Amino acid sequence: DAAASKRPNKLPAAKVTRKASIGTSPGEIAFFKFLRAELNKASCFFGRAKQELSIREERLRNGIEILKQPGSTMVNEKWSCMAKA
């Protein structure tokens, strides 16, 4: 097209119009707001899951240390101590 050849490195007028209209459609705005909300929910969920897993890991490590302790502690007492860790 002649207009495009006069404007090197420029977009044709139709593409410029489409590019300018991006983000103005109410449906598009609603979609991306919904998408952002879902992303935030997933991010919070996995953040809490990560915290929970680190707590569980710490409890397991404490339990392993209790079980490794030598001494006269009976097995049932070790399990109750580990459950309280």
N, C-alpha and C. Protein backbone atom coordinates (compact mmCIF):
# COMPACT_ATOMS: atom_id res chain seq x y z
N ASP A 1 0.84 -1.17 0.00
CA ASP A 1 0.00 0.00 0.00
C ASP A 1 0.88 1.23 0.00
N ALA A 2 0.46 2.27 -0.70
CA ALA A 2 1.28 3.45 -0.93
C ALA A 2 1.52 4.22 0.36
N ALA A 3 0.51 4.30 1.21
CA ALA A 3 0.66 5.05 2.46
C ALA A 3 1.67 4.37 3.37
N ALA A 4 1.67 3.06 3.38
CA ALA A 4 2.61 2.33 4.23
C ALA A 4 4.04 2.46 3.71
N SER A 5 4.19 2.55 2.38
CA SER A 5 5.53 2.67 1.82
C SER A 5 6.11 4.07 2.09
N LYS A 6 5.26 5.08 2.25
CA LYS A 6 5.74 6.42 2.55
C LYS A 6 6.17 6.53 4.02
N ARG A 7 5.65 5.63 4.85
CA ARG A 7 5.99 5.67 6.28
C ARG A 7 6.81 4.42 6.63
N PRO A 8 8.10 4.45 6.37
CA PRO A 8 8.91 3.28 6.72
C PRO A 8 8.94 3.11 8.24
N ASN A 9 8.95 1.85 8.68
CA ASN A 9 8.96 1.50 10.10
C ASN A 9 7.73 1.99 10.85
N LYS A 10 6.68 2.29 10.15
CA LYS A 10 5.42 2.70 10.78
C LYS A 10 4.37 1.65 10.47
N LEU A 11 3.41 1.51 11.37
CA LEU A 11 2.32 0.58 11.16
C LEU A 11 1.29 1.19 10.22
N PRO A 12 0.60 0.35 9.43
CA PRO A 12 -0.49 0.87 8.60
C PRO A 12 -1.58 1.46 9.50
N ALA A 13 -2.37 2.36 8.95
CA ALA A 13 -3.39 3.08 9.73
C ALA A 13 -4.36 2.12 10.41
N ALA A 14 -4.74 1.02 9.76
CA ALA A 14 -5.67 0.06 10.37
C ALA A 14 -5.07 -0.58 11.61
N LYS A 15 -3.78 -0.90 11.58
CA LYS A 15 -3.14 -1.50 12.75
C LYS A 15 -3.00 -0.49 13.87
N VAL A 16 -2.75 0.75 13.53
CA VAL A 16 -2.65 1.80 14.55
C VAL A 16 -3.99 1.95 15.26
N THR A 17 -5.08 1.93 14.49
CA THR A 17 -6.42 2.06 15.07
C THR A 17 -6.71 0.88 16.00
N ARG A 18 -6.36 -0.35 15.57
CA ARG A 18 -6.60 -1.52 16.42
C ARG A 18 -5.74 -1.46 17.67
N LYS A 19 -4.51 -0.99 17.53
CA LYS A 19 -3.62 -0.90 18.68
C LYS A 19 -4.14 0.14 19.67
N ALA A 20 -4.69 1.22 19.20
CA ALA A 20 -5.22 2.26 20.07
C ALA A 20 -6.47 1.79 20.80
N SER A 21 -7.21 0.85 20.20
CA SER A 21 -8.45 0.38 20.82
C SER A 21 -8.22 -0.74 21.83
N ILE A 22 -7.00 -1.23 21.93
CA ILE A 22 -6.71 -2.29 22.90
C ILE A 22 -6.93 -1.75 24.31
N GLY A 23 -7.68 -2.48 25.08
CA GLY A 23 -7.94 -2.09 26.46
C GLY A 23 -9.12 -1.18 26.65
N THR A 24 -9.84 -0.86 25.59
CA THR A 24 -11.00 0.02 25.73
C THR A 24 -12.31 -0.75 25.70
N SER A 25 -12.26 -2.00 25.30
CA SER A 25 -13.46 -2.82 25.24
C SER A 25 -13.88 -3.22 26.66
N PRO A 26 -15.14 -3.02 27.04
CA PRO A 26 -15.58 -3.40 28.39
C PRO A 26 -15.42 -4.89 28.66
N GLY A 27 -15.65 -5.72 27.67
CA GLY A 27 -15.47 -7.16 27.84
C GLY A 27 -14.02 -7.52 28.09
N GLU A 28 -13.13 -6.86 27.35
CA GLU A 28 -11.70 -7.10 27.52
C GLU A 28 -11.23 -6.63 28.89
N ILE A 29 -11.71 -5.50 29.33
CA ILE A 29 -11.34 -4.97 30.65
C ILE A 29 -11.82 -5.93 31.74
N ALA A 30 -13.06 -6.39 31.64
CA ALA A 30 -13.61 -7.32 32.62
C ALA A 30 -12.82 -8.63 32.64
N PHE A 31 -12.46 -9.12 31.45
CA PHE A 31 -11.70 -10.37 31.36
C PHE A 31 -10.37 -10.24 32.08
N PHE A 32 -9.64 -9.16 31.83
CA PHE A 32 -8.33 -9.02 32.44
C PHE A 32 -8.42 -8.72 33.93
N LYS A 33 -9.49 -8.05 34.39
CA LYS A 33 -9.69 -7.87 35.83
C LYS A 33 -9.93 -9.23 36.49
N PHE A 34 -10.77 -10.06 35.85
CA PHE A 34 -11.04 -11.39 36.36
C PHE A 34 -9.76 -12.23 36.37
N LEU A 35 -8.99 -12.14 35.30
CA LEU A 35 -7.74 -12.88 35.19
C LEU A 35 -6.77 -12.48 36.30
N ARG A 36 -6.68 -11.18 36.56
CA ARG A 36 -5.80 -10.68 37.62
C ARG A 36 -6.25 -11.16 38.99
N ALA A 37 -7.56 -11.17 39.23
CA ALA A 37 -8.09 -11.66 40.50
C ALA A 37 -7.76 -13.14 40.69
N GLU A 38 -7.92 -13.92 39.63
CA GLU A 38 -7.60 -15.35 39.71
C GLU A 38 -6.10 -15.56 39.96
N LEU A 39 -5.27 -14.76 39.32
CA LEU A 39 -3.83 -14.84 39.53
C LEU A 39 -3.48 -14.51 40.98
N ASN A 40 -4.11 -13.47 41.53
CA ASN A 40 -3.86 -13.11 42.92
C ASN A 40 -4.30 -14.22 43.87
N LYS A 41 -5.46 -14.84 43.59
CA LYS A 41 -5.93 -15.94 44.44
C LYS A 41 -4.94 -17.11 44.39
N ALA A 42 -4.49 -17.45 43.20
CA ALA A 42 -3.54 -18.56 43.07
C ALA A 42 -2.23 -18.24 43.77
N SER A 43 -1.78 -17.01 43.65
CA SER A 43 -0.55 -16.60 44.30
C SER A 43 -0.66 -16.70 45.82
N CYS A 44 -1.78 -16.23 46.37
CA CYS A 44 -2.01 -16.33 47.82
C CYS A 44 -2.09 -17.78 48.26
N PHE A 45 -2.80 -18.61 47.49
CA PHE A 45 -2.94 -20.02 47.83
C PHE A 45 -1.58 -20.69 47.91
N PHE A 46 -0.75 -20.50 46.90
CA PHE A 46 0.54 -21.17 46.89
C PHE A 46 1.49 -20.57 47.91
N GLY A 47 1.35 -19.30 48.24
CA GLY A 47 2.14 -18.71 49.32
C GLY A 47 1.82 -19.34 50.66
N ARG A 48 0.51 -19.54 50.93
CA ARG A 48 0.11 -20.20 52.18
C ARG A 48 0.54 -21.66 52.19
N ALA A 49 0.44 -22.33 51.06
CA ALA A 49 0.86 -23.73 50.98
C ALA A 49 2.36 -23.85 51.25
N LYS A 50 3.13 -22.92 50.75
CA LYS A 50 4.57 -22.93 50.98
C LYS A 50 4.88 -22.74 52.47
N GLN A 51 4.16 -21.83 53.13
CA GLN A 51 4.34 -21.63 54.57
C GLN A 51 3.99 -22.89 55.34
N GLU A 52 2.88 -23.50 54.97
CA GLU A 52 2.44 -24.73 55.65
C GLU A 52 3.46 -25.84 55.49
N LEU A 53 4.01 -25.98 54.29
CA LEU A 53 5.00 -27.03 54.07
C LEU A 53 6.29 -26.77 54.84
N SER A 54 6.67 -25.51 54.99
CA SER A 54 7.88 -25.22 55.77
C SER A 54 7.65 -25.53 57.25
N ILE A 55 6.42 -25.29 57.75
CA ILE A 55 6.10 -25.65 59.13
C ILE A 55 6.14 -27.16 59.30
N ARG A 56 5.57 -27.89 58.35
CA ARG A 56 5.60 -29.36 58.42
C ARG A 56 7.02 -29.89 58.37
N GLU A 57 7.85 -29.29 57.52
CA GLU A 57 9.24 -29.73 57.43
C GLU A 57 9.95 -29.54 58.76
N GLU A 58 9.72 -28.39 59.39
CA GLU A 58 10.35 -28.11 60.69
C GLU A 58 9.89 -29.13 61.74
N ARG A 59 8.59 -29.45 61.73
CA ARG A 59 8.07 -30.44 62.69
C ARG A 59 8.69 -31.81 62.44
N LEU A 60 8.84 -32.20 61.17
CA LEU A 60 9.46 -33.48 60.86
C LEU A 60 10.91 -33.52 61.32
N ARG A 61 11.63 -32.45 61.08
CA ARG A 61 13.03 -32.40 61.52
C ARG A 61 13.13 -32.51 63.04
N ASN A 62 12.23 -31.80 63.75
CA ASN A 62 12.23 -31.90 65.21
C ASN A 62 11.90 -33.32 65.65
N GLY A 63 10.95 -33.95 65.00
CA GLY A 63 10.60 -35.33 65.33
C GLY A 63 11.73 -36.30 65.10
N ILE A 64 12.45 -36.11 64.01
CA ILE A 64 13.60 -36.97 63.71
C ILE A 64 14.66 -36.81 64.78
N GLU A 65 14.91 -35.59 65.22
CA GLU A 65 15.89 -35.34 66.28
C GLU A 65 15.46 -36.01 67.58
N ILE A 66 14.17 -35.98 67.89
CA ILE A 66 13.67 -36.63 69.11
C ILE A 66 13.90 -38.14 69.02
N LEU A 67 13.61 -38.71 67.84
CA LEU A 67 13.79 -40.16 67.68
C LEU A 67 15.25 -40.57 67.71
N LYS A 68 16.16 -39.68 67.31
CA LYS A 68 17.58 -40.00 67.29
C LYS A 68 18.22 -39.90 68.67
N GLN A 69 17.55 -39.23 69.61
CA GLN A 69 18.14 -39.03 70.93
C GLN A 69 18.31 -40.36 71.65
N PRO A 70 19.53 -40.62 72.12
CA PRO A 70 19.72 -41.84 72.90
C PRO A 70 19.18 -41.63 74.32
N GLY A 71 18.89 -42.68 74.97
CA GLY A 71 18.43 -42.54 76.35
C GLY A 71 17.44 -43.61 76.70
N SER A 72 16.91 -43.45 77.86
CA SER A 72 16.00 -44.47 78.37
C SER A 72 14.54 -44.17 78.05
N THR A 73 14.31 -43.23 77.17
CA THR A 73 12.94 -42.87 76.82
C THR A 73 12.27 -44.03 76.11
N MET A 74 11.10 -44.38 76.56
CA MET A 74 10.34 -45.46 75.94
C MET A 74 9.85 -45.02 74.56
N VAL A 75 9.59 -45.97 73.70
CA VAL A 75 9.14 -45.67 72.34
C VAL A 75 7.84 -44.88 72.36
N ASN A 76 6.88 -45.25 73.20
CA ASN A 76 5.60 -44.53 73.25
C ASN A 76 5.80 -43.08 73.67
N GLU A 77 6.73 -42.84 74.59
CA GLU A 77 7.01 -41.47 75.02
C GLU A 77 7.65 -40.67 73.89
N LYS A 78 8.51 -41.31 73.10
CA LYS A 78 9.12 -40.61 71.96
C LYS A 78 8.06 -40.18 70.96
N TRP A 79 7.10 -41.07 70.69
CA TRP A 79 6.05 -40.73 69.74
C TRP A 79 5.19 -39.58 70.27
N SER A 80 4.90 -39.57 71.57
CA SER A 80 4.09 -38.47 72.11
C SER A 80 4.88 -37.16 72.09
N CYS A 81 6.20 -37.24 72.36
CA CYS A 81 7.03 -36.04 72.30
C CYS A 81 7.10 -35.52 70.85
N MET A 82 7.22 -36.45 69.92
CA MET A 82 7.31 -36.06 68.52
C MET A 82 5.99 -35.44 68.05
N ALA A 83 4.87 -35.97 68.54
CA ALA A 83 3.57 -35.42 68.15
C ALA A 83 3.38 -34.01 68.68
N LYS A 84 4.01 -33.70 69.79
CA LYS A 84 3.89 -32.36 70.38
C LYS A 84 4.85 -31.37 69.74
N ALA A 85 5.84 -31.87 68.98
CA ALA A 85 6.85 -30.99 68.38
C ALA A 85 6.25 -30.08 67.35
